[in-house]
C-alpha atoms as a PDB file:
ATOM      1  CA  MET A   1      88.066  68.109 104.565  1.00  0.00           C
ATOM      2  CA  ALA A   2      86.454  64.719 103.745  1.00  0.00           C
ATOM      3  CA  ASN A   3      89.714  63.593 102.223  1.00  0.00           C
ATOM      4  CA  ASN A   4      91.229  63.694 105.516  1.00  0.00           C
ATOM      5  CA  GLY A   5      87.771  61.856 107.386  1.00  0.00           C
ATOM      6  CA  ILE A   6      86.862  65.218 108.437  1.00  0.00           C
ATOM      7  CA  ALA A   7      83.385  65.665 108.087  1.00  0.00           C
ATOM      8  CA  SER A   8      82.190  69.523 107.178  1.00  0.00           C
ATOM      9  CA  VAL A   9      79.377  72.283 106.646  1.00  0.00           C
ATOM     10  CA  LEU A  10      79.571  74.355 104.480  1.00  0.00           C
ATOM     11  CA  PHE A  11      76.791  77.437 104.131  1.00  0.00           C
ATOM     12  CA  ASP A  12      75.620  80.310 102.387  1.00  0.00           C
ATOM     13  CA  GLY A  13      75.760  83.085 104.672  1.00  0.00           C
ATOM     14  CA  ARG A  14      72.510  85.729 104.457  1.00  0.00           C
ATOM     15  CA  ALA A  15      71.262  87.487 100.960  1.00  0.00           C
ATOM     16  CA  HIS A  16      74.520  84.680  99.492  1.00  0.00           C
ATOM     17  CA  GLY A  17      73.795  82.045  97.247  1.00  0.00           C
ATOM     18  CA  GLU A  18      70.379  80.239  98.064  1.00  0.00           C
ATOM     19  CA  SER A  19      70.387  81.686 101.287  1.00  0.00           C
ATOM     20  CA  GLY A  20      67.220  84.253 102.352  1.00  0.00           C
ATOM     21  CA  GLY A  21      67.514  87.734 103.294  1.00  0.00           C
ATOM     22  CA  LYS A  22      68.201  90.871 101.845  1.00  0.00           C
ATOM     23  CA  TYR A  23      71.244  92.663 103.419  1.00  0.00           C
ATOM     24  CA  CYS A  24      74.559  91.336 104.857  1.00  0.00           C
ATOM     25  CA  THR A  25      75.250  92.280 108.159  1.00  0.00           C
ATOM     26  CA  TYR A  26      79.329  91.214 107.827  1.00  0.00           C
ATOM     27  CA  GLY A  27      78.794  89.033 111.170  1.00  0.00           C
ATOM     28  CA  PHE A  28      76.777  91.290 113.619  1.00  0.00           C
ATOM     29  CA  HIS A  29      73.569  89.393 112.775  1.00  0.00           C
ATOM     30  CA  GLU A  30      75.929  86.574 110.929  1.00  0.00           C
ATOM     31  CA  LYS A  31      77.019  85.411 113.991  1.00  0.00           C
ATOM     32  CA  GLN A  32      74.030  84.057 115.220  1.00  0.00           C
ATOM     33  CA  ASP A  33      73.926  81.768 112.361  1.00  0.00           C
ATOM     34  CA  ILE A  34      76.587  80.236 113.315  1.00  0.00           C
ATOM     35  CA  ILE A  35      75.792  79.389 116.634  1.00  0.00           C
ATOM     36  CA  ALA A  36      72.178  78.090 115.178  1.00  0.00           C
ATOM     37  CA  ILE A  37      74.658  75.596 113.208  1.00  0.00           C
ATOM     38  CA  VAL A  38      76.580  74.854 116.486  1.00  0.00           C
ATOM     39  CA  ASP A  39      72.928  73.644 118.374  1.00  0.00           C
ATOM     40  CA  GLU A  40      72.662  71.442 115.335  1.00  0.00           C
ATOM     41  CA  LEU A  41      76.100  69.295 114.897  1.00  0.00           C
ATOM     42  CA  LYS A  42      75.995  69.174 119.361  1.00  0.00           C
ATOM     43  CA  LYS A  43      72.605  67.945 119.023  1.00  0.00           C
ATOM     44  CA  ARG A  44      73.262  65.777 116.671  1.00  0.00           C
ATOM     45  CA  ASN A  45      76.687  64.982 119.001  1.00  0.00           C
ATOM     46  CA  SER A  46      76.970  66.328 121.956  1.00  0.00           C
ATOM     47  CA  SER A  47      81.335  65.403 122.123  1.00  0.00           C
ATOM     48  CA  LEU A  48      82.303  66.514 118.646  1.00  0.00           C
ATOM     49  CA  PRO A  49      85.102  68.841 118.097  1.00  0.00           C
ATOM     50  CA  ILE A  50      84.086  72.189 115.989  1.00  0.00           C
ATOM     51  CA  GLY A  51      86.225  74.365 114.059  1.00  0.00           C
ATOM     52  CA  ILE A  52      85.326  77.239 112.170  1.00  0.00           C
ATOM     53  CA  TRP A  53      86.904  78.443 108.549  1.00  0.00           C
ATOM     54  CA  GLY A  54      86.107  81.619 106.992  1.00  0.00           C
ATOM     55  CA  ASN A  55      88.028  83.586 104.282  1.00  0.00           C
ATOM     56  CA  SER A  56      87.548  87.567 103.863  1.00  0.00           C
ATOM     57  CA  LEU A  57      83.727  88.281 105.127  1.00  0.00           C
ATOM     58  CA  GLY A  58      83.697  84.658 106.052  1.00  0.00           C
ATOM     59  CA  GLY A  59      87.033  85.774 108.231  1.00  0.00           C
ATOM     60  CA  ALA A  60      85.397  88.299 109.906  1.00  0.00           C
ATOM     61  CA  ILE A  61      81.881  86.860 110.607  1.00  0.00           C
ATOM     62  CA  ALA A  62      84.390  83.273 111.606  1.00  0.00           C
ATOM     63  CA  ILE A  63      86.152  86.219 114.909  1.00  0.00           C
ATOM     64  CA  GLN A  64      82.803  87.051 115.346  1.00  0.00           C
ATOM     65  CA  ALA A  65      81.254  84.060 116.443  1.00  0.00           C
ATOM     66  CA  LEU A  66      84.837  82.815 118.198  1.00  0.00           C
ATOM     67  CA  GLU A  67      83.951  85.432 120.539  1.00  0.00           C
ATOM     68  CA  ILE A  68      80.630  84.719 121.782  1.00  0.00           C
ATOM     69  CA  GLU A  69      80.442  81.106 121.452  1.00  0.00           C
ATOM     70  CA  LYS A  70      83.355  78.837 123.334  1.00  0.00           C
ATOM     71  CA  ARG A  71      81.496  75.776 121.464  1.00  0.00           C
ATOM     72  CA  ILE A  72      83.990  76.336 118.678  1.00  0.00           C
ATOM     73  CA  GLU A  73      87.499  75.282 119.828  1.00  0.00           C
ATOM     74  CA  PHE A  74      89.360  76.855 117.018  1.00  0.00           C
ATOM     75  CA  GLY A  75      89.091  78.785 114.083  1.00  0.00           C
ATOM     76  CA  ILE A  76      90.851  79.601 110.685  1.00  0.00           C
ATOM     77  CA  VAL A  77      91.284  82.583 109.267  1.00  0.00           C
ATOM     78  CA  GLU A  78      91.957  83.747 105.991  1.00  0.00           C
ATOM     79  CA  SER A  79      92.305  87.705 104.227  1.00  0.00           C
ATOM     80  CA  THR A  80      90.192  89.660 106.594  1.00  0.00           C
ATOM     81  CA  PHE A  81      89.460  93.024 107.906  1.00  0.00           C
ATOM     82  CA  THR A  82      90.143  95.125 111.171  1.00  0.00           C
ATOM     83  CA  GLU A  83      87.726  97.178 111.033  1.00  0.00           C
ATOM     84  CA  LEU A  84      84.342  97.365 109.313  1.00  0.00           C
ATOM     85  CA  ASP A  85      84.401 101.348 109.057  1.00  0.00           C
ATOM     86  CA  GLN A  86      88.037 101.177 107.509  1.00  0.00           C
ATOM     87  CA  ILE A  87      87.252  98.862 104.844  1.00  0.00           C
ATOM     88  CA  VAL A  88      84.259 100.070 103.219  1.00  0.00           C
ATOM     89  CA  TYR A  89      86.221 103.768 102.998  1.00  0.00           C
ATOM     90  CA  ASP A  90      89.723 101.655 102.039  1.00  0.00           C
ATOM     91  CA  TYR A  91      86.976  99.848  99.284  1.00  0.00           C
ATOM     92  CA  GLN A  92      85.750 103.688  98.387  1.00  0.00           C
ATOM     93  CA  LYS A  93      89.285 105.289  98.318  1.00  0.00           C
ATOM     94  CA  LYS A  94      90.115 102.040  95.442  1.00  0.00           C
ATOM     95  CA  MET A  95      86.529 102.378  93.522  1.00  0.00           C
ATOM     96  CA  ALA A  96      87.533 106.264  93.147  1.00  0.00           C
ATOM     97  CA  LYS A  97      90.717 105.830  92.041  1.00  0.00           C
ATOM     98  CA  GLY A  98      92.438 106.656  95.182  1.00  0.00           C
ATOM     99  CA  PHE A  99      90.689 109.774  96.146  1.00  0.00           C
ATOM    100  CA  GLY A 100      89.031 108.878  99.841  1.00  0.00           C
ATOM    101  CA  LEU A 101      86.648 111.421 101.727  1.00  0.00           C
ATOM    102  CA  ARG A 102      85.891 109.014 104.935  1.00  0.00           C
ATOM    103  CA  PHE A 103      83.189 111.171 106.158  1.00  0.00           C
ATOM    104  CA  MET A 104      81.367 109.793 102.729  1.00  0.00           C
ATOM    105  CA  SER A 105      82.187 106.456 103.475  1.00  0.00           C
ATOM    106  CA  ASP A 106      81.032 106.238 106.969  1.00  0.00           C
ATOM    107  CA  ALA A 107      77.761 107.967 106.334  1.00  0.00           C
ATOM    108  CA  ALA A 108      77.104 105.571 103.419  1.00  0.00           C
ATOM    109  CA  LEU A 109      77.696 102.509 106.140  1.00  0.00           C
ATOM    110  CA  GLN A 110      75.882 103.803 108.713  1.00  0.00           C
ATOM    111  CA  GLU A 111      72.702 104.238 106.325  1.00  0.00           C
ATOM    112  CA  ALA A 112      72.808 100.694 105.636  1.00  0.00           C
ATOM    113  CA  GLY A 113      73.184  99.888 109.079  1.00  0.00           C
ATOM    114  CA  ASN A 114      69.756 101.830 109.309  1.00  0.00           C
ATOM    115  CA  ILE A 115      68.474 100.352 106.262  1.00  0.00           C
ATOM    116  CA  ALA A 116      69.888  96.185 107.550  1.00  0.00           C
ATOM    117  CA  ASN A 117      69.244  96.776 111.251  1.00  0.00           C
ATOM    118  CA  PHE A 118      72.880  96.534 112.669  1.00  0.00           C
ATOM    119  CA  ASN A 119      75.336  98.656 114.266  1.00  0.00           C
ATOM    120  CA  PRO A 120      78.176  98.814 111.926  1.00  0.00           C
ATOM    121  CA  ASP A 121      80.234 100.117 115.296  1.00  0.00           C
ATOM    122  CA  GLU A 122      80.368  96.677 116.500  1.00  0.00           C
ATOM    123  CA  VAL A 123      81.512  94.919 113.845  1.00  0.00           C
ATOM    124  CA  LYS A 124      85.325  95.300 114.774  1.00  0.00           C
ATOM    125  CA  PRO A 125      87.043  91.760 114.800  1.00  0.00           C
ATOM    126  CA  ILE A 126      90.232  93.087 116.224  1.00  0.00           C
ATOM    127  CA  ILE A 127      88.286  94.492 119.129  1.00  0.00           C
ATOM    128  CA  SER A 128      87.065  90.242 119.408  1.00  0.00           C
ATOM    129  CA  VAL A 129      90.351  88.866 118.691  1.00  0.00           C
ATOM    130  CA  ALA A 130      91.561  90.548 121.690  1.00  0.00           C
ATOM    131  CA  LYS A 131      88.075  88.422 123.077  1.00  0.00           C
ATOM    132  CA  ILE A 132      89.770  85.063 121.611  1.00  0.00           C
ATOM    133  CA  GLU A 133      91.600  82.496 123.870  1.00  0.00           C
ATOM    134  CA  GLN A 134      90.713  79.471 121.363  1.00  0.00           C
ATOM    135  CA  PRO A 135      93.453  77.971 119.243  1.00  0.00           C
ATOM    136  CA  MET A 136      93.930  80.586 115.980  1.00  0.00           C
ATOM    137  CA  PHE A 137      95.327  79.993 112.378  1.00  0.00           C
ATOM    138  CA  ILE A 138      95.583  83.352 110.197  1.00  0.00           C
ATOM    139  CA  ALA A 139      96.761  83.619 106.983  1.00  0.00           C
ATOM    140  CA  HIS A 140      97.196  86.014 104.495  1.00  0.00           C
ATOM    141  CA  GLY A 141      98.300  87.019 101.675  1.00  0.00           C
ATOM    142  CA  ASP A 142     101.061  89.769 100.361  1.00  0.00           C
ATOM    143  CA  SER A 143     100.341  91.065  97.316  1.00  0.00           C
ATOM    144  CA  ASP A 144      95.953  90.909  98.496  1.00  0.00           C
ATOM    145  CA  GLU A 145      94.333  93.343  96.556  1.00  0.00           C
ATOM    146  CA  ASN A 146      91.076  93.725  98.781  1.00  0.00           C
ATOM    147  CA  ILE A 147      92.509  93.816 102.226  1.00  0.00           C
ATOM    148  CA  SER A 148      95.443  94.930 103.606  1.00  0.00           C
ATOM    149  CA  PHE A 149      98.316  91.912 104.400  1.00  0.00           C
ATOM    150  CA  GLU A 150      98.889  94.768 107.571  1.00  0.00           C
ATOM    151  CA  TYR A 151      95.115  93.767 108.896  1.00  0.00           C
ATOM    152  CA  GLY A 152      96.007  89.985 109.291  1.00  0.00           C
ATOM    153  CA  LYS A 153      98.883  90.868 110.489  1.00  0.00           C
ATOM    154  CA  GLN A 154      96.996  93.355 113.518  1.00  0.00           C
ATOM    155  CA  LEU A 155      94.728  90.783 113.742  1.00  0.00           C
ATOM    156  CA  TYR A 156      97.193  88.006 115.194  1.00  0.00           C
ATOM    157  CA  GLU A 157      99.208  90.839 116.934  1.00  0.00           C
ATOM    158  CA  ASN A 158      95.704  91.570 119.109  1.00  0.00           C
ATOM    159  CA  LEU A 159      94.926  87.926 119.278  1.00  0.00           C
ATOM    160  CA  ALA A 160      94.512  86.348 123.014  1.00  0.00           C
ATOM    161  CA  SER A 161      95.083  83.224 122.645  1.00  0.00           C
ATOM    162  CA  ALA A 162      98.349  81.045 123.720  1.00  0.00           C
ATOM    163  CA  GLU A 163      98.146  79.137 120.971  1.00  0.00           C
ATOM    164  CA  LYS A 164      97.834  81.534 117.932  1.00  0.00           C
ATOM    165  CA  GLU A 165      99.990  80.890 114.438  1.00  0.00           C
ATOM    166  CA  PHE A 166     100.058  83.417 111.375  1.00  0.00           C
ATOM    167  CA  VAL A 167     101.314  82.295 108.283  1.00  0.00           C
ATOM    168  CA  LEU A 168     102.602  85.106 105.361  1.00  0.00           C
ATOM    169  CA  VAL A 169     101.547  83.235 101.710  1.00  0.00           C
ATOM    170  CA  GLU A 170     103.839  85.267  99.232  1.00  0.00           C
ATOM    171  CA  GLY A 171     102.700  86.447  96.067  1.00  0.00           C
ATOM    172  CA  ALA A 172      99.265  85.289  97.048  1.00  0.00           C
ATOM    173  CA  GLY A 173      96.322  87.947  96.429  1.00  0.00           C
ATOM    174  CA  HIS A 174      92.664  88.106  98.081  1.00  0.00           C
ATOM    175  CA  PHE A 175      91.090  84.960  96.228  1.00  0.00           C
ATOM    176  CA  ASP A 176      94.343  82.181  96.154  1.00  0.00           C
ATOM    177  CA  VAL A 177      95.793  82.033  99.442  1.00  0.00           C
ATOM    178  CA  TYR A 178      94.961  77.907  99.339  1.00  0.00           C
ATOM    179  CA  ALA A 179      96.474  78.486  95.447  1.00  0.00           C
ATOM    180  CA  LYS A 180      99.591  79.821  95.911  1.00  0.00           C
ATOM    181  CA  GLY A 181     100.345  78.492  99.468  1.00  0.00           C
ATOM    182  CA  GLY A 182     100.028  75.692  97.832  1.00  0.00           C
ATOM    183  CA  LYS A 183     101.476  71.824  99.233  1.00  0.00           C
ATOM    184  CA  ASP A 184     103.265  73.783 102.469  1.00  0.00           C
ATOM    185  CA  TYR A 185     100.286  75.747 103.146  1.00  0.00           C
ATOM    186  CA  GLU A 186      98.253  73.010 103.012  1.00  0.00           C
ATOM    187  CA  ASN A 187     100.328  70.835 105.016  1.00  0.00           C
ATOM    188  CA  LYS A 188     100.439  73.848 107.343  1.00  0.00           C
ATOM    189  CA  LEU A 189      96.587  74.296 107.432  1.00  0.00           C
ATOM    190  CA  MET A 190      95.926  70.270 107.835  1.00  0.00           C
ATOM    191  CA  ASN A 191      98.419  69.965 110.715  1.00  0.00           C
ATOM    192  CA  PHE A 192      96.972  72.552 112.616  1.00  0.00           C
ATOM    193  CA  ILE A 193      93.844  71.208 112.072  1.00  0.00           C
ATOM    194  CA  LYS A 194      94.427  67.405 112.826  1.00  0.00           C
ATOM    195  CA  LYS A 195      96.484  69.207 116.239  1.00  0.00           C
ATOM    196  CA  GLN A 196      93.004  70.367 117.265  1.00  0.00           C
ATOM    197  CA  LEU A 197      90.734  67.474 116.551  1.00  0.00           C
ATOM    198  CA  GLU A 198      93.705  65.208 118.638  1.00  0.00           C
ATOM    199  CA  LYS A 199      93.034  66.836 121.927  1.00  0.00           C
END
């Protein structure tokens, strides 16, 4: 971003990196943290255009923030999920070598919600995208080992925005979309960003 003259704010989510907090709530509370960042940026420069870029969990947070914060003018989302309860089940099944027990993953998630004071049933990016009208760039690798490529397509298909782009990154897994996409992916991404900033 800096090489293209674009300022960035990087942050550690709750209970990640150097941020405080004991629990991650997958966007339920984190979207309010994004709003606080937007408040601070607008306080410093009220005419500053703001976009958000999130990968995986960060993508789910970005989607939930875009739904409620219209001062975020565009979004970039890579490799994220559609519904928290579904992805928790997917991970449980993967960890159990293909043996899934949905009632157990649902019960564990509800208990996590009780402990961390959030409602897991409200963490559904697939519902949030239906209320997002800001321009969106969604990308997903077709070899994603953690979050199905189909979820990325579903998010795109349900997105309300009239200006949206979906990029399939062939051969990319969960952690290497940018690397596998190479210069072609970088160009598509930067063209999208520059187009938004020039409005």
